[in-house]
């Protein structure tokens, strides 16, 4: 896969929103954990599922999804980041 539009068409938003359960820790430094970084982790995991490993495309997809997500969708990621920070 080498096309941004194709990548977006293949991403299943249901695997991104609401935030999926995180089996492994997405960040070593929980103090710096924030909503956007968790979204990037979720997008990267979804991209891996569909066979896309290009970090630039994953970053572009993350930016696009963050900009187009609803207030509720972002709120769920903010809440997850707070829960991760509080479980240190």
Protein backbone atom coordinates (compact mmCIF):
# COMPACT_ATOMS: atom_id res chain seq x y z
CA UNK A 1 0.00 0.00 0.00
CA UNK A 2 1.56 3.29 -0.98
CA UNK A 3 -1.35 5.68 -1.33
CA UNK A 4 -2.69 7.78 1.53
CA UNK A 5 -6.27 7.73 0.20
CA UNK A 6 -6.14 3.96 -0.18
CA UNK A 7 -4.86 3.63 3.37
CA UNK A 8 -7.68 5.78 4.74
CA UNK A 9 -10.22 3.76 2.77
CA UNK A 10 -8.87 0.51 4.26
CA UNK A 11 -8.67 1.66 7.88
CA UNK A 12 -11.58 0.34 9.90
CA UNK A 13 -12.55 3.28 12.15
CA UNK A 14 -14.36 0.81 14.43
CA UNK A 15 -10.90 -0.49 15.38
CA UNK A 16 -9.81 3.06 16.27
CA UNK A 17 -12.91 4.52 17.95
CA UNK A 18 -13.56 3.93 20.76
CA UNK A 19 -9.96 3.36 21.81
CA UNK A 20 -9.19 -0.35 21.82
CA UNK A 21 -7.95 -2.10 24.90
CA UNK A 22 -4.20 -1.83 25.06
CA UNK A 23 -2.53 -5.12 25.88
CA UNK A 24 1.01 -3.82 26.01
CA UNK A 25 2.10 -0.41 27.25
CA UNK A 26 2.17 2.06 24.36
CA UNK A 27 4.72 4.30 26.06
CA UNK A 28 7.59 3.68 28.40
CA UNK A 29 7.23 7.10 30.03
CA UNK A 30 3.65 7.31 31.29
CA UNK A 31 4.16 10.91 32.40
CA UNK A 32 4.45 11.94 28.75
CA UNK A 33 1.51 9.81 27.62
CA UNK A 34 -1.23 11.84 25.96
CA UNK A 35 -4.31 11.30 23.84
CA UNK A 36 -2.71 11.90 20.44
CA UNK A 37 0.10 9.42 21.12
CA UNK A 38 -2.41 6.75 22.10
CA UNK A 39 -4.35 7.45 18.91
CA UNK A 40 -1.13 7.04 16.93
CA UNK A 41 -0.56 3.70 18.68
CA UNK A 42 -4.11 2.61 17.73
CA UNK A 43 -3.68 3.76 14.13
CA UNK A 44 -0.33 1.98 13.85
CA UNK A 45 -1.88 -1.20 15.18
CA UNK A 46 -4.73 -0.96 12.67
CA UNK A 47 -2.28 -0.23 9.83
CA UNK A 48 -0.22 -3.26 10.81
CA UNK A 49 -3.40 -5.35 10.67
CA UNK A 50 -4.00 -4.30 7.05
CA UNK A 51 -0.34 -4.62 6.04
CA UNK A 52 0.84 -1.00 6.07
CA UNK A 53 4.14 -0.29 7.83
CA UNK A 54 5.21 3.05 6.31
CA UNK A 55 5.71 5.40 9.30
CA UNK A 56 5.06 8.51 7.21
CA UNK A 57 1.70 7.22 5.97
CA UNK A 58 0.79 6.11 9.48
CA UNK A 59 1.62 9.59 10.76
CA UNK A 60 -0.47 11.21 8.02
CA UNK A 61 -3.39 8.91 8.79
CA UNK A 62 -3.09 9.71 12.49
CA UNK A 63 -3.12 13.46 11.78
CA UNK A 64 -6.14 13.08 9.50
CA UNK A 65 -8.07 10.96 11.99
CA UNK A 66 -7.26 13.33 14.88
CA UNK A 67 -8.42 16.36 12.89
CA UNK A 68 -11.63 14.67 11.75
CA UNK A 69 -12.54 12.94 15.02
CA UNK A 70 -15.51 14.17 16.98
CA UNK A 71 -15.23 15.80 20.38
CA UNK A 72 -16.55 12.57 21.92
CA UNK A 73 -13.95 10.44 20.13
CA UNK A 74 -11.13 12.72 21.28
CA UNK A 75 -12.57 12.75 24.79
CA UNK A 76 -12.34 8.95 24.97
CA UNK A 77 -8.62 9.16 24.12
CA UNK A 78 -8.07 11.94 26.68
CA UNK A 79 -9.80 9.78 29.32
CA UNK A 80 -7.66 6.77 28.44
CA UNK A 81 -4.49 8.86 28.70
CA UNK A 82 -5.54 10.04 32.17
CA UNK A 83 -6.21 6.45 33.27
CA UNK A 84 -2.79 5.36 32.00
CA UNK A 85 -1.08 8.24 33.82
CA UNK A 86 -2.88 7.47 37.06
CA UNK A 87 -1.82 3.79 37.03
CA UNK A 88 1.89 4.45 37.41
